[in-house]
């Protein structure tokens, strides 16, 4: 009896793993925006699930209408523990700068996420707008 249960459990595990790894890539897209001061970051996010991995592609523009510098900062969160913020792009003065972020993660850790925010200056995150999940 124990042997047949183990075979059944093994069969379910193999079937599940096969289904997860042979599933064709499925994509989902959405738009996002956030701002602070005279700067706005806006764009689209495309999420592609392929087997056991998820690729998140965040693209857009940081647009500044003032004379100061503004930066887009990204912060990754793993298992509800935030990592250190990292500056992605800065725009000083009027104009736009491209935002292009690619993040590949595994579905084995569903609590992974990414936060994005616009901050005044280019040195730190002490003066920022709201963090969003793009």
C-alpha atoms as a PDB file:
ATOM      1  CA  UNK A   1       0.000   0.000   0.000  1.00  0.00           C
ATOM      2  CA  UNK A   2       2.782   2.453   0.896  1.00  0.00           C
ATOM      3  CA  UNK A   3       4.546   1.764  -2.400  1.00  0.00           C
ATOM      4  CA  UNK A   4       1.446   2.570  -4.495  1.00  0.00           C
ATOM      5  CA  UNK A   5       0.853   5.839  -2.581  1.00  0.00           C
ATOM      6  CA  UNK A   6       4.449   6.871  -3.192  1.00  0.00           C
ATOM      7  CA  UNK A   7       4.065   6.111  -6.879  1.00  0.00           C
ATOM      8  CA  UNK A   8       0.853   8.137  -7.005  1.00  0.00           C
ATOM      9  CA  UNK A   9       2.506  11.094  -5.245  1.00  0.00           C
ATOM     10  CA  UNK A  10       5.522  10.825  -7.536  1.00  0.00           C
ATOM     11  CA  UNK A  11       3.246  10.718 -10.577  1.00  0.00           C
ATOM     12  CA  UNK A  12       1.401  13.873  -9.474  1.00  0.00           C
ATOM     13  CA  UNK A  13       4.701  15.657  -8.791  1.00  0.00           C
ATOM     14  CA  UNK A  14       6.097  14.742 -12.210  1.00  0.00           C
ATOM     15  CA  UNK A  15       2.877  15.756 -13.970  1.00  0.00           C
ATOM     16  CA  UNK A  16       2.837  19.101 -12.131  1.00  0.00           C
ATOM     17  CA  UNK A  17       6.496  19.811 -12.904  1.00  0.00           C
ATOM     18  CA  UNK A  18       5.966  18.886 -16.540  1.00  0.00           C
ATOM     19  CA  UNK A  19       2.926  21.150 -16.813  1.00  0.00           C
ATOM     20  CA  UNK A  20       4.813  24.034 -15.220  1.00  0.00           C
ATOM     21  CA  UNK A  21       7.865  23.698 -17.424  1.00  0.00           C
ATOM     22  CA  UNK A  22       6.061  23.050 -20.701  1.00  0.00           C
ATOM     23  CA  UNK A  23       3.450  25.781 -20.402  1.00  0.00           C
ATOM     24  CA  UNK A  24       3.867  28.256 -23.222  1.00  0.00           C
ATOM     25  CA  UNK A  25       4.811  31.783 -22.281  1.00  0.00           C
ATOM     26  CA  UNK A  26       1.850  33.865 -21.163  1.00  0.00           C
ATOM     27  CA  UNK A  27       2.137  37.642 -21.061  1.00  0.00           C
ATOM     28  CA  UNK A  28       0.205  40.251 -19.120  1.00  0.00           C
ATOM     29  CA  UNK A  29       0.606  44.010 -19.459  1.00  0.00           C
ATOM     30  CA  UNK A  30      -0.364  47.048 -17.425  1.00  0.00           C
ATOM     31  CA  UNK A  31       0.358  50.750 -17.147  1.00  0.00           C
ATOM     32  CA  UNK A  32       1.751  52.690 -14.208  1.00  0.00           C
ATOM     33  CA  UNK A  33       2.702  56.215 -13.165  1.00  0.00           C
ATOM     34  CA  UNK A  34       4.035  58.062 -10.139  1.00  0.00           C
ATOM     35  CA  UNK A  35       5.271  61.582  -9.577  1.00  0.00           C
ATOM     36  CA  UNK A  36       7.041  63.890  -7.173  1.00  0.00           C
ATOM     37  CA  UNK A  37       7.699  67.626  -7.466  1.00  0.00           C
ATOM     38  CA  UNK A  38       8.099  68.526 -11.136  1.00  0.00           C
ATOM     39  CA  UNK A  39       8.860  64.974 -12.308  1.00  0.00           C
ATOM     40  CA  UNK A  40       6.615  62.136 -13.445  1.00  0.00           C
ATOM     41  CA  UNK A  41       7.561  58.560 -14.240  1.00  0.00           C
ATOM     42  CA  UNK A  42       5.076  56.640 -16.371  1.00  0.00           C
ATOM     43  CA  UNK A  43       5.072  53.618 -18.612  1.00  0.00           C
ATOM     44  CA  UNK A  44       4.044  50.014 -19.026  1.00  0.00           C
ATOM     45  CA  UNK A  45       4.890  46.735 -17.391  1.00  0.00           C
ATOM     46  CA  UNK A  46       4.884  43.439 -19.247  1.00  0.00           C
ATOM     47  CA  UNK A  47       5.014  40.208 -17.268  1.00  0.00           C
ATOM     48  CA  UNK A  48       5.874  36.981 -19.078  1.00  0.00           C
ATOM     49  CA  UNK A  49       5.436  33.676 -17.276  1.00  0.00           C
ATOM     50  CA  UNK A  50       7.368  30.848 -18.845  1.00  0.00           C
ATOM     51  CA  UNK A  51       7.653  27.618 -16.922  1.00  0.00           C
ATOM     52  CA  UNK A  52       9.146  28.325 -13.527  1.00  0.00           C
ATOM     53  CA  UNK A  53      10.355  31.841 -14.301  1.00  0.00           C
ATOM     54  CA  UNK A  54       8.673  35.215 -14.507  1.00  0.00           C
ATOM     55  CA  UNK A  55      10.210  38.052 -16.503  1.00  0.00           C
ATOM     56  CA  UNK A  56       9.034  41.539 -15.610  1.00  0.00           C
ATOM     57  CA  UNK A  57       9.824  44.265 -18.155  1.00  0.00           C
ATOM     58  CA  UNK A  58       9.218  47.833 -16.936  1.00  0.00           C
ATOM     59  CA  UNK A  59       9.533  50.515 -19.623  1.00  0.00           C
ATOM     60  CA  UNK A  60       8.641  54.188 -19.712  1.00  0.00           C
ATOM     61  CA  UNK A  61       9.894  57.727 -19.313  1.00  0.00           C
ATOM     62  CA  UNK A  62      11.006  59.942 -16.461  1.00  0.00           C
ATOM     63  CA  UNK A  63       9.822  63.431 -17.456  1.00  0.00           C
ATOM     64  CA  UNK A  64      10.965  66.546 -15.617  1.00  0.00           C
ATOM     65  CA  UNK A  65       9.406  69.983 -16.211  1.00  0.00           C
ATOM     66  CA  UNK A  66      11.606  71.861 -13.723  1.00  0.00           C
ATOM     67  CA  UNK A  67      15.255  72.782 -13.295  1.00  0.00           C
ATOM     68  CA  UNK A  68      16.130  70.387 -10.451  1.00  0.00           C
ATOM     69  CA  UNK A  69      17.318  66.786 -10.719  1.00  0.00           C
ATOM     70  CA  UNK A  70      14.906  63.882 -10.175  1.00  0.00           C
ATOM     71  CA  UNK A  71      15.681  60.174 -10.120  1.00  0.00           C
ATOM     72  CA  UNK A  72      13.780  56.901 -10.381  1.00  0.00           C
ATOM     73  CA  UNK A  73      14.741  54.481  -7.607  1.00  0.00           C
ATOM     74  CA  UNK A  74      13.955  50.762  -7.630  1.00  0.00           C
ATOM     75  CA  UNK A  75      13.686  48.591  -4.543  1.00  0.00           C
ATOM     76  CA  UNK A  76      13.287  44.815  -4.728  1.00  0.00           C
ATOM     77  CA  UNK A  77      11.476  42.942  -1.972  1.00  0.00           C
ATOM     78  CA  UNK A  78      12.148  39.255  -1.233  1.00  0.00           C
ATOM     79  CA  UNK A  79       9.881  37.384   1.157  1.00  0.00           C
ATOM     80  CA  UNK A  80       8.595  40.686   2.550  1.00  0.00           C
ATOM     81  CA  UNK A  81      12.163  41.864   3.328  1.00  0.00           C
ATOM     82  CA  UNK A  82      13.028  44.990   1.316  1.00  0.00           C
ATOM     83  CA  UNK A  83      16.434  45.282  -0.292  1.00  0.00           C
ATOM     84  CA  UNK A  84      18.364  48.520  -0.594  1.00  0.00           C
ATOM     85  CA  UNK A  85      16.998  51.098  -3.058  1.00  0.00           C
ATOM     86  CA  UNK A  86      19.010  51.456  -6.251  1.00  0.00           C
ATOM     87  CA  UNK A  87      18.974  54.488  -8.533  1.00  0.00           C
ATOM     88  CA  UNK A  88      17.919  53.560 -12.047  1.00  0.00           C
ATOM     89  CA  UNK A  89      17.853  56.832 -13.999  1.00  0.00           C
ATOM     90  CA  UNK A  90      18.241  60.572 -13.332  1.00  0.00           C
ATOM     91  CA  UNK A  91      16.999  63.594 -15.279  1.00  0.00           C
ATOM     92  CA  UNK A  92      18.349  67.051 -14.423  1.00  0.00           C
ATOM     93  CA  UNK A  93      16.446  69.968 -15.926  1.00  0.00           C
ATOM     94  CA  UNK A  94      13.593  69.771 -18.397  1.00  0.00           C
ATOM     95  CA  UNK A  95      13.160  66.789 -20.660  1.00  0.00           C
ATOM     96  CA  UNK A  96      12.798  63.021 -20.473  1.00  0.00           C
ATOM     97  CA  UNK A  97      14.960  59.998 -19.775  1.00  0.00           C
ATOM     98  CA  UNK A  98      14.086  56.387 -20.662  1.00  0.00           C
ATOM     99  CA  UNK A  99      13.202  53.803 -18.033  1.00  0.00           C
ATOM    100  CA  UNK A 100      14.032  50.221 -19.021  1.00  0.00           C
ATOM    101  CA  UNK A 101      14.163  47.588 -16.270  1.00  0.00           C
ATOM    102  CA  UNK A 102      14.149  43.812 -16.744  1.00  0.00           C
ATOM    103  CA  UNK A 103      13.746  41.543 -13.726  1.00  0.00           C
ATOM    104  CA  UNK A 104      13.706  37.741 -13.943  1.00  0.00           C
ATOM    105  CA  UNK A 105      12.492  35.809 -10.927  1.00  0.00           C
ATOM    106  CA  UNK A 106      11.207  32.340 -10.150  1.00  0.00           C
ATOM    107  CA  UNK A 107       7.619  31.470  -9.259  1.00  0.00           C
ATOM    108  CA  UNK A 108       8.979  29.425  -6.360  1.00  0.00           C
ATOM    109  CA  UNK A 109       9.147  32.698  -4.397  1.00  0.00           C
ATOM    110  CA  UNK A 110       5.764  34.379  -4.958  1.00  0.00           C
ATOM    111  CA  UNK A 111       6.418  37.093  -2.367  1.00  0.00           C
ATOM    112  CA  UNK A 112       9.055  38.797  -4.514  1.00  0.00           C
ATOM    113  CA  UNK A 113       8.097  42.243  -5.759  1.00  0.00           C
ATOM    114  CA  UNK A 114       9.527  45.514  -7.039  1.00  0.00           C
ATOM    115  CA  UNK A 115       8.792  49.054  -5.836  1.00  0.00           C
ATOM    116  CA  UNK A 116       9.502  52.141  -7.922  1.00  0.00           C
ATOM    117  CA  UNK A 117       9.528  55.792  -6.808  1.00  0.00           C
ATOM    118  CA  UNK A 118      10.549  59.250  -8.007  1.00  0.00           C
ATOM    119  CA  UNK A 119      12.868  61.210  -5.729  1.00  0.00           C
ATOM    120  CA  UNK A 120      14.197  64.766  -5.799  1.00  0.00           C
ATOM    121  CA  UNK A 121      17.953  64.826  -6.376  1.00  0.00           C
ATOM    122  CA  UNK A 122      20.270  62.004  -7.325  1.00  0.00           C
ATOM    123  CA  UNK A 123      22.019  61.063  -4.084  1.00  0.00           C
ATOM    124  CA  UNK A 124      19.420  59.355  -1.869  1.00  0.00           C
ATOM    125  CA  UNK A 125      15.756  58.604  -1.198  1.00  0.00           C
ATOM    126  CA  UNK A 126      15.120  61.185   1.532  1.00  0.00           C
ATOM    127  CA  UNK A 127      12.660  63.298  -0.547  1.00  0.00           C
ATOM    128  CA  UNK A 128      10.445  60.978  -2.578  1.00  0.00           C
ATOM    129  CA  UNK A 129       6.956  60.504  -3.869  1.00  0.00           C
ATOM    130  CA  UNK A 130       4.895  57.393  -3.169  1.00  0.00           C
ATOM    131  CA  UNK A 131       6.336  53.973  -3.959  1.00  0.00           C
ATOM    132  CA  UNK A 132       4.335  51.970  -6.487  1.00  0.00           C
ATOM    133  CA  UNK A 133       4.457  48.421  -7.820  1.00  0.00           C
ATOM    134  CA  UNK A 134       4.717  48.817 -11.580  1.00  0.00           C
END
